Amino acid sequence: MTPGRVRLIGVPLDLGAGRRGVDMGPSAFRVAGVDDRVRELGCEVDDWGDLAVKIPETQAAGDPRLKYLGEILEVVTDLRDRVERALDEGGVPVVLGGDHSVAMGSVSGLARHHHRRKEKVGLVWFDAHADANTAETSPSGNIHGMPLAAVLGFGTPSLVNLGGFSPMVDGARAALIGVRNVDGAERENVRASGIGAFTMRDIDERGMRTVMEQAIRRASTGTAGIHVSFDMDGMDPDFAPGVGTPVPGGISYREAHLAMEMLADTGKVLSAEFVETNPVLDQGNRTAALGVELLTSLLGKKIL
C-alpha cells in the first residue's frame, strides 16, 4: 500500500438496506473529520465527493427478491469505474458508505484493475453478518445482504459479473471476520464459497492476533494485495451504536484497531471501505468517529 495518495469516495446509498439512514454515512465521516485526520498522517487527500444516488421514495422496489436492483446497479457501476480510475492514477481508493451493497462496486473496480495485469486480489471482510445471500436464499430481498456472495461468484448474473469476470475474488483468498448472525439458507453459500469464515467464537478462543494472521495469509498469498471491507456492525454495539442491524457480542475497540494495525503492517492493502454507519441511530456521531480512527490505523497510524 502507498497511502500517500488517498482518494475518498462517498456513496450515500441505502437502497440495499431495510431501513433508512445509512445514506448519511459519508456526511457523518466528514463531520468526524476524515479528511483532516488522514492528512495528519502525511497523506495527500483528494475528496471526490459523493456519487449521485436515487432515494427509495422516488423509485419502485421492483422484484421483491432483489429490491432496487436496477438503481443499485447504476451506483455500483459508477463506483467501479471511479475506483478503477483512482487505482490507475496511483491512488488508494477509500469508499465511505452507504449500505454494504457498495462493496460490489469497490471490489469490482479493484479486481478489474488487477485483472488487466493478470493479477488476483485478496479480501478481508469484517461483518456481523455473512452477506452471502442470493435472491433464492434471502429472507428479505435486501441487496446489502448479498454483496459478499456476488464478489465470490454467487447470485444474480448482473451483480456477479460486474467486474467482467467471475469470481471477482477467489474464496481461498478471502476471509470473513466477526460473523455472528447468519441466515439458515445462507450457511451453505458460505461453505460453498471456500471463504475463511472466522466467527466471534474463533476470536474468543484464538484471539484477534491469530485470526488476523490466518486471514492475512489467505488474502495475501498469490495476490497483488488486499481490499478491506469494514461493516461497522461488525463492532460490538457498545462501541458502534449507530448501525441499522446491530448484533450484540461483536468486535471490541482494541480488537478492531489491532486488526487494522496488522493489515497496515503488511504493506499490501490496496483499497478499503467503511459502511453501514447510520447517524439517525447513533449517539453523538460515535460510530463515524470510530470509523475514522480505524481508517487511520489501516493507513499506518501508530501509537509510538
C-alpha atoms as a PDB file:
ATOM      1  CA  MET A   1       0.000   0.000   0.000  1.00  0.00           C
ATOM      2  CA  THR A   2       1.158   3.540  -0.785  1.00  0.00           C
ATOM      3  CA  PRO A   3      -1.114   5.614   1.461  1.00  0.00           C
ATOM      4  CA  GLY A   4       0.424   8.848   0.222  1.00  0.00           C
ATOM      5  CA  ARG A   5      -2.460   9.422  -2.213  1.00  0.00           C
ATOM      6  CA  VAL A   6      -5.854   8.714  -0.685  1.00  0.00           C
ATOM      7  CA  ARG A   7      -8.985   9.190  -2.755  1.00  0.00           C
ATOM      8  CA  LEU A   8     -12.181   9.447  -0.699  1.00  0.00           C
ATOM      9  CA  ILE A   9     -15.393   8.459  -2.481  1.00  0.00           C
ATOM     10  CA  GLY A  10     -18.742   8.896  -0.735  1.00  0.00           C
ATOM     11  CA  VAL A  11     -21.624   6.610  -1.677  1.00  0.00           C
ATOM     12  CA  PRO A  12     -24.866   7.734   0.056  1.00  0.00           C
ATOM     13  CA  LEU A  13     -26.701   4.525  -0.823  1.00  0.00           C
ATOM     14  CA  ASP A  14     -29.391   2.990   1.355  1.00  0.00           C
ATOM     15  CA  LEU A  15     -31.458   1.265  -1.339  1.00  0.00           C
ATOM     16  CA  GLY A  16     -29.910  -2.055  -0.361  1.00  0.00           C
ATOM     17  CA  ALA A  17     -30.862  -1.789   3.305  1.00  0.00           C
ATOM     18  CA  GLY A  18     -34.098  -2.454   5.133  1.00  0.00           C
ATOM     19  CA  ARG A  19     -34.205   0.884   6.947  1.00  0.00           C
ATOM     20  CA  ARG A  20     -33.287   4.457   6.101  1.00  0.00           C
ATOM     21  CA  GLY A  21     -30.301   6.426   7.406  1.00  0.00           C
ATOM     22  CA  VAL A  22     -27.068   4.913   6.103  1.00  0.00           C
ATOM     23  CA  ASP A  23     -27.223   7.313   3.156  1.00  0.00           C
ATOM     24  CA  MET A  24     -25.967   9.906   5.643  1.00  0.00           C
ATOM     25  CA  GLY A  25     -22.891   7.806   6.464  1.00  0.00           C
ATOM     26  CA  PRO A  26     -20.464   9.684   4.165  1.00  0.00           C
ATOM     27  CA  SER A  27     -21.514  13.004   5.707  1.00  0.00           C
ATOM     28  CA  ALA A  28     -21.050  11.576   9.198  1.00  0.00           C
ATOM     29  CA  PHE A  29     -17.467  10.571   8.332  1.00  0.00           C
ATOM     30  CA  ARG A  30     -16.756  14.074   7.040  1.00  0.00           C
ATOM     31  CA  VAL A  31     -18.272  15.637  10.176  1.00  0.00           C
ATOM     32  CA  ALA A  32     -15.899  13.369  12.126  1.00  0.00           C
ATOM     33  CA  GLY A  33     -13.004  14.992  10.256  1.00  0.00           C
ATOM     34  CA  VAL A  34     -11.936  12.167   7.980  1.00  0.00           C
ATOM     35  CA  ASP A  35     -10.141  14.472   5.522  1.00  0.00           C
ATOM     36  CA  ASP A  36      -8.064  16.230   8.182  1.00  0.00           C
ATOM     37  CA  ARG A  37      -7.346  13.059  10.165  1.00  0.00           C
ATOM     38  CA  VAL A  38      -5.947  11.327   7.098  1.00  0.00           C
ATOM     39  CA  ARG A  39      -3.924  14.408   6.121  1.00  0.00           C
ATOM     40  CA  GLU A  40      -2.352  14.391   9.594  1.00  0.00           C
ATOM     41  CA  LEU A  41      -0.737  11.084   8.614  1.00  0.00           C
ATOM     42  CA  GLY A  42       1.126  12.885   5.835  1.00  0.00           C
ATOM     43  CA  CYS A  43      -1.198  11.663   3.105  1.00  0.00           C
ATOM     44  CA  GLU A  44      -2.371  13.650   0.136  1.00  0.00           C
ATOM     45  CA  VAL A  45      -6.169  13.579   0.331  1.00  0.00           C
ATOM     46  CA  ASP A  46      -8.439  14.189  -2.622  1.00  0.00           C
ATOM     47  CA  ASP A  47     -12.107  14.019  -1.651  1.00  0.00           C
ATOM     48  CA  TRP A  48     -14.072  13.160  -4.778  1.00  0.00           C
ATOM     49  CA  GLY A  49     -17.382  13.945  -3.102  1.00  0.00           C
ATOM     50  CA  ASP A  50     -20.474  11.760  -3.259  1.00  0.00           C
ATOM     51  CA  LEU A  51     -21.929   9.709  -6.086  1.00  0.00           C
ATOM     52  CA  ALA A  52     -25.421  10.575  -7.266  1.00  0.00           C
ATOM     53  CA  VAL A  53     -27.883   8.106  -5.733  1.00  0.00           C
ATOM     54  CA  LYS A  54     -31.660   7.851  -6.089  1.00  0.00           C
ATOM     55  CA  ILE A  55     -33.796   7.601  -2.958  1.00  0.00           C
ATOM     56  CA  PRO A  56     -36.381   4.876  -2.328  1.00  0.00           C
ATOM     57  CA  GLU A  57     -39.281   7.309  -2.041  1.00  0.00           C
ATOM     58  CA  THR A  58     -38.920   8.122  -5.742  1.00  0.00           C
ATOM     59  CA  GLN A  59     -38.450   4.557  -7.009  1.00  0.00           C
ATOM     60  CA  ALA A  60     -40.362   1.303  -7.218  1.00  0.00           C
ATOM     61  CA  ALA A  61     -38.669  -1.580  -5.388  1.00  0.00           C
ATOM     62  CA  GLY A  62     -39.249  -3.973  -8.283  1.00  0.00           C
ATOM     63  CA  ASP A  63     -38.542  -7.668  -7.783  1.00  0.00           C
ATOM     64  CA  PRO A  64     -39.163  -8.392  -4.066  1.00  0.00           C
ATOM     65  CA  ARG A  65     -36.275 -10.875  -4.146  1.00  0.00           C
ATOM     66  CA  LEU A  66     -33.845  -8.186  -5.423  1.00  0.00           C
ATOM     67  CA  LYS A  67     -35.182  -4.841  -4.288  1.00  0.00           C
ATOM     68  CA  TYR A  68     -33.994  -1.795  -6.260  1.00  0.00           C
ATOM     69  CA  LEU A  69     -31.659  -3.936  -8.349  1.00  0.00           C
ATOM     70  CA  GLY A  70     -31.546  -1.535 -11.309  1.00  0.00           C
ATOM     71  CA  GLU A  71     -30.867   1.524  -9.186  1.00  0.00           C
ATOM     72  CA  ILE A  72     -28.182  -0.243  -7.155  1.00  0.00           C
ATOM     73  CA  LEU A  73     -26.513  -1.458 -10.338  1.00  0.00           C
ATOM     74  CA  GLU A  74     -26.276   2.139 -11.577  1.00  0.00           C
ATOM     75  CA  VAL A  75     -24.499   3.193  -8.381  1.00  0.00           C
ATOM     76  CA  VAL A  76     -22.073   0.276  -8.083  1.00  0.00           C
ATOM     77  CA  THR A  77     -21.178   0.528 -11.774  1.00  0.00           C
ATOM     78  CA  ASP A  78     -20.342   4.211 -11.298  1.00  0.00           C
ATOM     79  CA  LEU A  79     -18.323   3.329  -8.194  1.00  0.00           C
ATOM     80  CA  ARG A  80     -16.497   0.534 -10.028  1.00  0.00           C
ATOM     81  CA  ASP A  81     -15.321   2.997 -12.663  1.00  0.00           C
ATOM     82  CA  ARG A  82     -14.219   5.587 -10.098  1.00  0.00           C
ATOM     83  CA  VAL A  83     -12.305   3.059  -8.022  1.00  0.00           C
ATOM     84  CA  GLU A  84     -10.579   1.796 -11.138  1.00  0.00           C
ATOM     85  CA  ARG A  85      -9.684   5.358 -12.120  1.00  0.00           C
ATOM     86  CA  ALA A  86      -8.245   6.073  -8.660  1.00  0.00           C
ATOM     87  CA  LEU A  87      -6.069   2.966  -8.902  1.00  0.00           C
ATOM     88  CA  ASP A  88      -4.991   3.773 -12.459  1.00  0.00           C
ATOM     89  CA  GLU A  89      -3.813   7.167 -11.168  1.00  0.00           C
ATOM     90  CA  GLY A  90      -1.794   5.558  -8.379  1.00  0.00           C
ATOM     91  CA  GLY A  91      -4.195   6.425  -5.580  1.00  0.00           C
ATOM     92  CA  VAL A  92      -5.676   4.436  -2.712  1.00  0.00           C
ATOM     93  CA  PRO A  93      -9.480   4.488  -3.010  1.00  0.00           C
ATOM     94  CA  VAL A  94     -11.320   4.683   0.311  1.00  0.00           C
ATOM     95  CA  VAL A  95     -15.085   4.339  -0.041  1.00  0.00           C
ATOM     96  CA  LEU A  96     -17.436   5.784   2.567  1.00  0.00           C
ATOM     97  CA  GLY A  97     -20.873   4.129   2.621  1.00  0.00           C
ATOM     98  CA  GLY A  98     -23.727   3.784   2.434  1.00  0.00           C
ATOM     99  CA  ASP A  99     -25.008   0.255   2.836  1.00  0.00           C
ATOM    100  CA  HIS A 100     -22.779  -2.737   2.160  1.00  0.00           C
ATOM    101  CA  SER A 101     -24.043  -3.094  -1.411  1.00  0.00           C
ATOM    102  CA  VAL A 102     -21.330  -0.566  -2.300  1.00  0.00           C
ATOM    103  CA  ALA A 103     -18.703  -3.293  -1.836  1.00  0.00           C
ATOM    104  CA  MET A 104     -19.668  -4.782  -5.185  1.00  0.00           C
ATOM    105  CA  GLY A 105     -18.536  -1.557  -6.849  1.00  0.00           C
ATOM    106  CA  SER A 106     -15.357  -1.237  -4.792  1.00  0.00           C
ATOM    107  CA  VAL A 107     -14.222  -4.819  -5.278  1.00  0.00           C
ATOM    108  CA  SER A 108     -15.138  -4.982  -8.966  1.00  0.00           C
ATOM    109  CA  GLY A 109     -13.120  -1.830  -9.665  1.00  0.00           C
ATOM    110  CA  LEU A 110     -10.107  -3.220  -7.817  1.00  0.00           C
ATOM    111  CA  ALA A 111     -10.416  -6.667  -9.356  1.00  0.00           C
ATOM    112  CA  ARG A 112     -10.796  -5.275 -12.874  1.00  0.00           C
ATOM    113  CA  HIS A 113      -7.753  -3.024 -12.451  1.00  0.00           C
ATOM    114  CA  HIS A 114      -5.582  -6.003 -11.480  1.00  0.00           C
ATOM    115  CA  HIS A 115      -7.220  -8.450 -13.879  1.00  0.00           C
ATOM    116  CA  ARG A 116      -5.799  -6.345 -16.716  1.00  0.00           C
ATOM    117  CA  ARG A 117      -2.384  -7.036 -15.186  1.00  0.00           C
ATOM    118  CA  LYS A 118      -3.172 -10.757 -14.864  1.00  0.00           C
ATOM    119  CA  GLU A 119      -3.181 -10.414 -11.058  1.00  0.00           C
ATOM    120  CA  LYS A 120      -5.614 -11.578  -8.396  1.00  0.00           C
ATOM    121  CA  VAL A 121      -6.706  -9.677  -5.294  1.00  0.00           C
ATOM    122  CA  GLY A 122      -7.443 -10.746  -1.734  1.00  0.00           C
ATOM    123  CA  LEU A 123     -10.270  -9.695   0.566  1.00  0.00           C
ATOM    124  CA  VAL A 124     -10.701  -9.251   4.325  1.00  0.00           C
ATOM    125  CA  TRP A 125     -14.342  -8.572   5.217  1.00  0.00           C
ATOM    126  CA  PHE A 126     -15.431  -7.507   8.733  1.00  0.00           C
ATOM    127  CA  ASP A 127     -19.126  -8.014   9.471  1.00  0.00           C
ATOM    128  CA  ALA A 128     -21.648  -9.312  11.981  1.00  0.00           C
ATOM    129  CA  HIS A 129     -23.460 -10.907   9.047  1.00  0.00           C
ATOM    130  CA  ALA A 130     -22.237 -13.168   6.259  1.00  0.00           C
ATOM    131  CA  ASP A 131     -23.722 -11.013   3.444  1.00  0.00           C
ATOM    132  CA  ALA A 132     -23.715 -14.221   1.391  1.00  0.00           C
ATOM    133  CA  ASN A 133     -27.382 -14.438   0.465  1.00  0.00           C
ATOM    134  CA  THR A 134     -28.723 -14.685  -3.070  1.00  0.00           C
ATOM    135  CA  ALA A 135     -32.200 -13.972  -4.410  1.00  0.00           C
ATOM    136  CA  GLU A 136     -33.038 -17.611  -3.689  1.00  0.00           C
ATOM    137  CA  THR A 137     -31.880 -17.625  -0.052  1.00  0.00           C
ATOM    138  CA  SER A 138     -32.534 -14.068   1.166  1.00  0.00           C
ATOM    139  CA  PRO A 139     -35.472 -13.750   3.575  1.00  0.00           C
ATOM    140  CA  SER A 140     -35.803 -10.006   2.840  1.00  0.00           C
ATOM    141  CA  GLY A 141     -34.681  -9.330  -0.735  1.00  0.00           C
ATOM    142  CA  ASN A 142     -32.401  -6.572   0.585  1.00  0.00           C
ATOM    143  CA  ILE A 143     -29.278  -6.483  -1.569  1.00  0.00           C
ATOM    144  CA  HIS A 144     -26.998  -5.316   1.267  1.00  0.00           C
ATOM    145  CA  GLY A 145     -27.219  -8.928   2.423  1.00  0.00           C
ATOM    146  CA  MET A 146     -25.819 -10.210  -0.878  1.00  0.00           C
ATOM    147  CA  PRO A 147     -22.561  -8.405  -1.800  1.00  0.00           C
ATOM    148  CA  LEU A 148     -20.094 -10.968  -0.461  1.00  0.00           C
ATOM    149  CA  ALA A 149     -21.907 -13.716  -2.373  1.00  0.00           C
ATOM    150  CA  ALA A 150     -21.674 -11.659  -5.577  1.00  0.00           C
ATOM    151  CA  VAL A 151     -17.981 -10.937  -5.085  1.00  0.00           C
ATOM    152  CA  LEU A 152     -17.305 -14.654  -4.572  1.00  0.00           C
ATOM    153  CA  GLY A 153     -19.312 -15.661  -7.658  1.00  0.00           C
ATOM    154  CA  PHE A 154     -22.786 -16.475  -6.315  1.00  0.00           C
ATOM    155  CA  GLY A 155     -26.070 -14.789  -7.194  1.00  0.00           C
ATOM    156  CA  THR A 156     -27.759 -12.883  -9.978  1.00  0.00           C
ATOM    157  CA  PRO A 157     -25.548 -12.555 -13.097  1.00  0.00           C
ATOM    158  CA  SER A 158     -25.718  -8.753 -13.318  1.00  0.00           C
ATOM    159  CA  LEU A 159     -24.085  -8.491  -9.883  1.00  0.00           C
ATOM    160  CA  VAL A 160     -21.753 -11.472 -10.160  1.00  0.00           C
ATOM    161  CA  ASN A 161     -20.292 -10.254 -13.475  1.00  0.00           C
ATOM    162  CA  LEU A 162     -19.913  -6.610 -12.510  1.00  0.00           C
ATOM    163  CA  GLY A 163     -16.151  -6.788 -12.986  1.00  0.00           C
ATOM    164  CA  GLY A 164     -16.444  -8.541 -16.343  1.00  0.00           C
ATOM    165  CA  PHE A 165     -15.411 -11.927 -14.928  1.00  0.00           C
ATOM    166  CA  SER A 166     -16.335 -14.154 -12.026  1.00  0.00           C
ATOM    167  CA  PRO A 167     -15.463 -14.636  -9.267  1.00  0.00           C
ATOM    168  CA  MET A 168     -14.039 -11.201  -8.553  1.00  0.00           C
ATOM    169  CA  VAL A 169     -12.201 -12.760  -5.591  1.00  0.00           C
ATOM    170  CA  ASP A 170     -11.463 -16.453  -5.044  1.00  0.00           C
ATOM    171  CA  GLY A 171     -12.896 -17.819  -1.813  1.00  0.00           C
ATOM    172  CA  ALA A 172      -9.479 -19.269  -0.978  1.00  0.00           C
ATOM    173  CA  ARG A 173      -8.115 -15.710  -0.943  1.00  0.00           C
ATOM    174  CA  ALA A 174     -10.858 -14.198   1.219  1.00  0.00           C
ATOM    175  CA  ALA A 175     -11.666 -14.015   4.925  1.00  0.00           C
ATOM    176  CA  LEU A 176     -14.820 -13.044   6.822  1.00  0.00           C
ATOM    177  CA  ILE A 177     -14.208 -11.839  10.369  1.00  0.00           C
ATOM    178  CA  GLY A 178     -16.563 -11.203  13.291  1.00  0.00           C
ATOM    179  CA  VAL A 179     -19.588 -13.030  11.873  1.00  0.00           C
ATOM    180  CA  ARG A 180     -22.228 -13.983  14.424  1.00  0.00           C
ATOM    181  CA  ASN A 181     -25.616 -13.771  12.651  1.00  0.00           C
ATOM    182  CA  VAL A 182     -26.118 -15.985   9.587  1.00  0.00           C
ATOM    183  CA  ASP A 183     -29.402 -16.851   7.880  1.00  0.00           C
ATOM    184  CA  GLY A 184     -30.171 -20.568   7.731  1.00  0.00           C
ATOM    185  CA  ALA A 185     -30.117 -20.971   3.957  1.00  0.00           C
ATOM    186  CA  GLU A 186     -27.121 -18.665   3.692  1.00  0.00           C
ATOM    187  CA  ARG A 187     -24.827 -21.071   5.539  1.00  0.00           C
ATOM    188  CA  GLU A 188     -24.471 -23.330   2.528  1.00  0.00           C
ATOM    189  CA  ASN A 189     -23.388 -20.372   0.371  1.00  0.00           C
ATOM    190  CA  VAL A 190     -20.634 -19.577   2.872  1.00  0.00           C
ATOM    191  CA  ARG A 191     -19.433 -23.187   2.862  1.00  0.00           C
ATOM    192  CA  ALA A 192     -19.580 -23.498  -0.928  1.00  0.00           C
ATOM    193  CA  SER A 193     -17.606 -20.287  -1.473  1.00  0.00           C
ATOM    194  CA  GLY A 194     -14.467 -21.581   0.240  1.00  0.00           C
ATOM    195  CA  ILE A 195     -14.033 -18.360   2.210  1.00  0.00           C
ATOM    196  CA  GLY A 196     -12.247 -18.469   5.548  1.00  0.00           C
ATOM    197  CA  ALA A 197     -15.050 -17.592   7.976  1.00  0.00           C
ATOM    198  CA  PHE A 198     -13.929 -16.557  11.465  1.00  0.00           C
ATOM    199  CA  THR A 199     -16.824 -16.238  13.885  1.00  0.00           C
ATOM    200  CA  MET A 200     -16.808 -14.379  17.188  1.00  0.00           C
ATOM    201  CA  ARG A 201     -16.206 -17.748  18.845  1.00  0.00           C
ATOM    202  CA  ASP A 202     -12.987 -18.055  16.833  1.00  0.00           C
ATOM    203  CA  ILE A 203     -11.913 -14.609  18.043  1.00  0.00           C
ATOM    204  CA  ASP A 204     -12.848 -15.514  21.636  1.00  0.00           C
ATOM    205  CA  GLU A 205     -10.940 -18.804  21.557  1.00  0.00           C
ATOM    206  CA  ARG A 206      -7.895 -17.905  19.444  1.00  0.00           C
ATOM    207  CA  GLY A 207      -7.628 -14.148  19.884  1.00  0.00           C
ATOM    208  CA  MET A 208      -7.711 -11.486  17.200  1.00  0.00           C
ATOM    209  CA  ARG A 209      -3.978 -11.770  16.525  1.00  0.00           C
ATOM    210  CA  THR A 210      -4.185 -15.424  15.454  1.00  0.00           C
ATOM    211  CA  VAL A 211      -7.359 -14.847  13.445  1.00  0.00           C
ATOM    212  CA  MET A 212      -5.758 -11.915  11.612  1.00  0.00           C
ATOM    213  CA  GLU A 213      -2.582 -13.866  10.898  1.00  0.00           C
ATOM    214  CA  GLN A 214      -4.669 -16.548   9.201  1.00  0.00           C
ATOM    215  CA  ALA A 215      -6.866 -14.027   7.380  1.00  0.00           C
ATOM    216  CA  ILE A 216      -3.889 -12.053   6.093  1.00  0.00           C
ATOM    217  CA  ARG A 217      -2.195 -15.249   4.921  1.00  0.00           C
ATOM    218  CA  ARG A 218      -5.271 -16.163   2.891  1.00  0.00           C
ATOM    219  CA  ALA A 219      -5.740 -12.690   1.393  1.00  0.00           C
ATOM    220  CA  SER A 220      -2.098 -12.056   0.545  1.00  0.00           C
ATOM    221  CA  THR A 221      -0.998 -15.423  -0.852  1.00  0.00           C
ATOM    222  CA  GLY A 222      -0.799 -15.229  -4.631  1.00  0.00           C
ATOM    223  CA  THR A 223      -2.412 -11.774  -4.796  1.00  0.00           C
ATOM    224  CA  ALA A 224      -1.387  -8.240  -5.709  1.00  0.00           C
ATOM    225  CA  GLY A 225      -2.779  -7.065  -2.387  1.00  0.00           C
ATOM    226  CA  ILE A 226      -5.832  -6.798  -0.155  1.00  0.00           C
ATOM    227  CA  HIS A 227      -9.165  -4.997  -0.142  1.00  0.00           C
ATOM    228  CA  VAL A 228     -10.535  -4.289   3.342  1.00  0.00           C
ATOM    229  CA  SER A 229     -14.318  -4.105   3.697  1.00  0.00           C
ATOM    230  CA  PHE A 230     -15.436  -2.948   7.147  1.00  0.00           C
ATOM    231  CA  ASP A 231     -19.104  -3.039   8.105  1.00  0.00           C
ATOM    232  CA  MET A 232     -19.439  -1.013  11.296  1.00  0.00           C
ATOM    233  CA  ASP A 233     -21.942  -3.540  12.647  1.00  0.00           C
ATOM    234  CA  GLY A 234     -19.005  -5.933  12.935  1.00  0.00           C
ATOM    235  CA  MET A 235     -18.187  -3.937  16.058  1.00  0.00           C
ATOM    236  CA  ASP A 236     -19.956  -4.565  19.328  1.00  0.00           C
ATOM    237  CA  PRO A 237     -22.864  -2.091  19.590  1.00  0.00           C
ATOM    238  CA  ASP A 238     -21.354  -0.714  22.809  1.00  0.00           C
ATOM    239  CA  PHE A 239     -18.639   0.820  20.621  1.00  0.00           C
ATOM    240  CA  ALA A 240     -20.629   1.416  17.420  1.00  0.00           C
ATOM    241  CA  PRO A 241     -24.293   2.060  18.254  1.00  0.00           C
ATOM    242  CA  GLY A 242     -25.093   3.856  15.001  1.00  0.00           C
ATOM    243  CA  VAL A 243     -25.773   0.899  12.701  1.00  0.00           C
ATOM    244  CA  GLY A 244     -29.001  -0.383  11.197  1.00  0.00           C
ATOM    245  CA  THR A 245     -28.581  -4.046  12.139  1.00  0.00           C
ATOM    246  CA  PRO A 246     -26.713  -4.219  15.471  1.00  0.00           C
ATOM    247  CA  VAL A 247     -25.828  -7.634  16.877  1.00  0.00           C
ATOM    248  CA  PRO A 248     -24.531  -7.985  20.473  1.00  0.00           C
ATOM    249  CA  GLY A 249     -21.216  -9.653  21.206  1.00  0.00           C
ATOM    250  CA  GLY A 250     -19.097  -8.103  18.473  1.00  0.00           C
ATOM    251  CA  ILE A 251     -15.527  -6.965  17.942  1.00  0.00           C
ATOM    252  CA  SER A 252     -14.115  -4.726  20.681  1.00  0.00           C
ATOM    253  CA  TYR A 253     -12.419  -1.364  20.262  1.00  0.00           C
ATOM    254  CA  ARG A 254      -8.891  -2.698  20.717  1.00  0.00           C
ATOM    255  CA  GLU A 255      -9.515  -5.866  18.686  1.00  0.00           C
ATOM    256  CA  ALA A 256     -10.599  -3.703  15.742  1.00  0.00           C
ATOM    257  CA  HIS A 257      -7.580  -1.440  15.996  1.00  0.00           C
ATOM    258  CA  LEU A 258      -5.240  -4.436  16.257  1.00  0.00           C
ATOM    259  CA  ALA A 259      -6.799  -5.871  13.092  1.00  0.00           C
ATOM    260  CA  MET A 260      -6.290  -2.585  11.213  1.00  0.00           C
ATOM    261  CA  GLU A 261      -2.741  -2.209  12.513  1.00  0.00           C
ATOM    262  CA  MET A 262      -1.811  -5.727  11.447  1.00  0.00           C
ATOM    263  CA  LEU A 263      -3.246  -5.113   7.975  1.00  0.00           C
ATOM    264  CA  ALA A 264      -1.285  -1.858   7.728  1.00  0.00           C
ATOM    265  CA  ASP A 265       1.897  -3.683   8.714  1.00  0.00           C
ATOM    266  CA  THR A 266       1.599  -5.938   5.667  1.00  0.00           C
ATOM    267  CA  GLY A 267       2.031  -3.013   3.275  1.00  0.00           C
ATOM    268  CA  LYS A 268      -0.401  -4.834   0.975  1.00  0.00           C
ATOM    269  CA  VAL A 269      -3.700  -3.003   1.496  1.00  0.00           C
ATOM    270  CA  LEU A 270      -4.821  -1.621  -1.876  1.00  0.00           C
ATOM    271  CA  SER A 271      -8.249  -0.181  -1.074  1.00  0.00           C
ATOM    272  CA  ALA A 272     -10.888  -0.053   1.640  1.00  0.00           C
ATOM    273  CA  GLU A 273     -14.438   0.846   2.513  1.00  0.00           C
ATOM    274  CA  PHE A 274     -16.295   1.640   5.724  1.00  0.00           C
ATOM    275  CA  VAL A 275     -20.033   1.086   5.507  1.00  0.00           C
ATOM    276  CA  GLU A 276     -23.386   0.853   7.293  1.00  0.00           C
ATOM    277  CA  THR A 277     -22.954   3.869   9.597  1.00  0.00           C
ATOM    278  CA  ASN A 278     -26.436   5.192  10.426  1.00  0.00           C
ATOM    279  CA  PRO A 279     -26.288   8.627  12.116  1.00  0.00           C
ATOM    280  CA  VAL A 280     -30.036   8.517  12.826  1.00  0.00           C
ATOM    281  CA  LEU A 281     -29.388   5.703  15.306  1.00  0.00           C
ATOM    282  CA  ASP A 282     -26.049   6.974  16.626  1.00  0.00           C
ATOM    283  CA  GLN A 283     -25.001   8.766  19.793  1.00  0.00           C
ATOM    284  CA  GLY A 284     -23.080  11.974  19.096  1.00  0.00           C
ATOM    285  CA  ASN A 285     -21.576  10.590  15.867  1.00  0.00           C
ATOM    286  CA  ARG A 286     -19.601   7.994  17.844  1.00  0.00           C
ATOM    287  CA  THR A 287     -19.783   5.354  15.123  1.00  0.00           C
ATOM    288  CA  ALA A 288     -18.407   7.541  12.341  1.00  0.00           C
ATOM    289  CA  ALA A 289     -15.695   8.865  14.678  1.00  0.00           C
ATOM    290  CA  LEU A 290     -14.662   5.276  15.400  1.00  0.00           C
ATOM    291  CA  GLY A 291     -14.666   4.517  11.681  1.00  0.00           C
ATOM    292  CA  VAL A 292     -12.294   7.417  11.078  1.00  0.00           C
ATOM    293  CA  GLU A 293      -9.996   6.143  13.832  1.00  0.00           C
ATOM    294  CA  LEU A 294      -9.958   2.677  12.310  1.00  0.00           C
ATOM    295  CA  LEU A 295      -9.197   4.103   8.874  1.00  0.00           C
ATOM    296  CA  THR A 296      -6.176   5.981  10.225  1.00  0.00           C
ATOM    297  CA  SER A 297      -4.893   2.761  11.828  1.00  0.00           C
ATOM    298  CA  LEU A 298      -5.353   0.999   8.495  1.00  0.00           C
ATOM    299  CA  LEU A 299      -3.374   3.784   6.797  1.00  0.00           C
ATOM    300  CA  GLY A 300      -0.462   3.309   9.191  1.00  0.00           C
ATOM    301  CA  LYS A 301      -1.093   5.427  12.294  1.00  0.00           C
ATOM    302  CA  LYS A 302       0.907   4.056  15.221  1.00  0.00           C
ATOM    303  CA  ILE A 303       0.771   4.598  18.969  1.00  0.00           C
ATOM    304  CA  LEU A 304       4.508   5.337  19.110  1.00  0.00           C
END
